[in-house]
Amino acid sequence: EGMPCMIFANWRGFSGGSRDMAGEILKFGAMIVDALREYENPVYIYLPPHGELRGGSWVVVDPTINEEKMSMFADPDSRGGILEPAGITEVKFRVPDQLKVMHRI
């Protein structure tokens, strides 16, 4: 039909554990990635106010899947990232590594 695709993303993600495997979560996530990779019309991803996009769900709608067609927009009050907040607190950087990252960004 030549219509753009609008995705309102507010997902917590998935872990890849046995529960997600039994529910075929990874399989359907991969199907979404495949469809977005080949989509020929614009794809707009929007994180609504107070919405969250975390973990595996971020990977599924990452605009680098189809850079020419996909764009992501987020409300200033939304949150997103690959790691859950609990996982972020467990990541430990040594001071030299922190400095490298700070200078890279």
Protein backbone atom coordinates (compact mmCIF):
# COMPACT_ATOMS: atom_id res chain seq x y z
CA GLU A 1 0.00 0.00 0.00
CA GLY A 2 3.01 2.30 0.27
CA MET A 3 2.06 3.46 3.76
CA PRO A 4 4.59 4.51 6.43
CA CYS A 5 4.76 2.41 9.59
CA MET A 6 4.31 4.09 13.00
CA ILE A 7 5.42 2.15 16.08
CA PHE A 8 4.52 3.39 19.55
CA ALA A 9 7.21 1.62 21.58
CA ASN A 10 6.68 1.02 25.29
CA TRP A 11 8.23 -2.38 25.95
CA ARG A 12 10.35 -3.76 28.77
CA GLY A 13 12.23 -6.26 26.69
CA PHE A 14 12.98 -9.94 26.97
CA SER A 15 15.75 -11.94 28.52
CA GLY A 16 16.32 -14.83 26.16
CA GLY A 17 15.73 -17.27 29.00
CA SER A 18 13.78 -20.52 28.84
CA ARG A 19 10.45 -18.77 29.55
CA ASP A 20 10.96 -16.42 26.60
CA MET A 21 12.10 -19.30 24.40
CA ALA A 22 8.97 -21.31 25.27
CA GLY A 23 6.79 -18.32 24.45
CA GLU A 24 8.65 -17.87 21.16
CA ILE A 25 9.41 -14.25 22.11
CA LEU A 26 12.82 -14.35 20.41
CA LYS A 27 11.33 -15.89 17.28
CA PHE A 28 8.73 -13.14 16.91
CA GLY A 29 11.32 -10.44 17.71
CA ALA A 30 13.49 -11.80 14.91
CA MET A 31 10.51 -11.76 12.56
CA ILE A 32 9.95 -8.06 13.35
CA VAL A 33 13.63 -7.31 12.66
CA ASP A 34 13.46 -9.14 9.32
CA ALA A 35 10.33 -7.23 8.29
CA LEU A 36 11.78 -3.85 9.30
CA ARG A 37 15.04 -4.58 7.49
CA GLU A 38 13.18 -5.07 4.21
CA TYR A 39 10.47 -2.41 4.71
CA GLU A 40 10.60 0.05 1.81
CA ASN A 41 8.52 2.87 3.31
CA PRO A 42 9.31 5.20 6.22
CA VAL A 43 9.22 3.67 9.70
CA TYR A 44 8.72 5.99 12.66
CA ILE A 45 9.35 4.75 16.19
CA TYR A 46 8.05 6.88 19.02
CA LEU A 47 8.68 6.45 22.75
CA PRO A 48 5.70 8.10 24.48
CA PRO A 49 5.85 10.13 27.72
CA HIS A 50 6.90 7.88 30.64
CA GLY A 51 7.36 5.00 28.19
CA GLU A 52 10.27 2.55 28.37
CA LEU A 53 12.19 0.68 25.71
CA ARG A 54 14.61 -1.76 27.30
CA GLY A 55 16.70 -4.81 26.58
CA GLY A 56 15.85 -7.00 23.64
CA SER A 57 12.94 -4.78 22.64
CA TRP A 58 15.39 -1.94 21.90
CA VAL A 59 17.32 -4.25 19.58
CA VAL A 60 14.14 -5.14 17.70
CA VAL A 61 13.36 -1.52 16.76
CA ASP A 62 16.88 -0.07 16.59
CA PRO A 63 16.97 2.35 13.62
CA THR A 64 20.30 0.92 12.43
CA ILE A 65 18.31 -2.07 11.11
CA ASN A 66 17.23 0.05 8.15
CA GLU A 67 18.97 3.43 8.48
CA GLU A 68 17.56 4.86 5.27
CA LYS A 69 13.94 4.31 6.27
CA MET A 70 13.80 4.18 10.08
CA SER A 71 13.69 7.13 12.48
CA MET A 72 13.30 7.09 16.25
CA PHE A 73 11.78 9.87 18.33
CA ALA A 74 11.39 10.02 22.09
CA ASP A 75 9.50 12.20 24.52
CA PRO A 76 11.89 13.84 27.03
CA ASP A 77 10.14 11.93 29.83
CA SER A 78 10.65 8.51 28.21
CA ARG A 79 13.50 6.13 29.00
CA GLY A 80 15.42 3.62 26.94
CA GLY A 81 18.52 1.49 26.81
CA ILE A 82 19.87 -1.99 26.31
CA LEU A 83 20.28 -2.75 30.01
CA GLU A 84 17.61 -2.74 32.70
CA PRO A 85 18.36 -0.30 35.54
CA ALA A 86 19.32 -3.19 37.82
CA GLY A 87 21.83 -4.40 35.22
CA ILE A 88 23.31 -0.95 34.80
CA THR A 89 24.16 -0.74 38.49
CA GLU A 90 26.13 -3.98 38.20
CA VAL A 91 28.31 -2.78 35.33
CA LYS A 92 31.64 -1.66 36.72
CA PHE A 93 34.12 0.45 34.80
CA ARG A 94 37.65 0.96 35.92
CA VAL A 95 38.75 4.60 35.96
CA PRO A 96 40.93 4.30 32.79
CA ASP A 97 38.00 2.73 30.94
CA GLN A 98 35.64 5.46 32.16
CA LEU A 99 38.01 8.12 30.82
CA LYS A 100 38.20 6.40 27.41
CA VAL A 101 34.42 6.33 27.16
CA MET A 102 34.07 9.94 28.28
CA HIS A 103 36.55 11.13 25.67
CA ARG A 104 34.92 9.02 22.96
CA ILE A 105 31.52 10.56 23.63
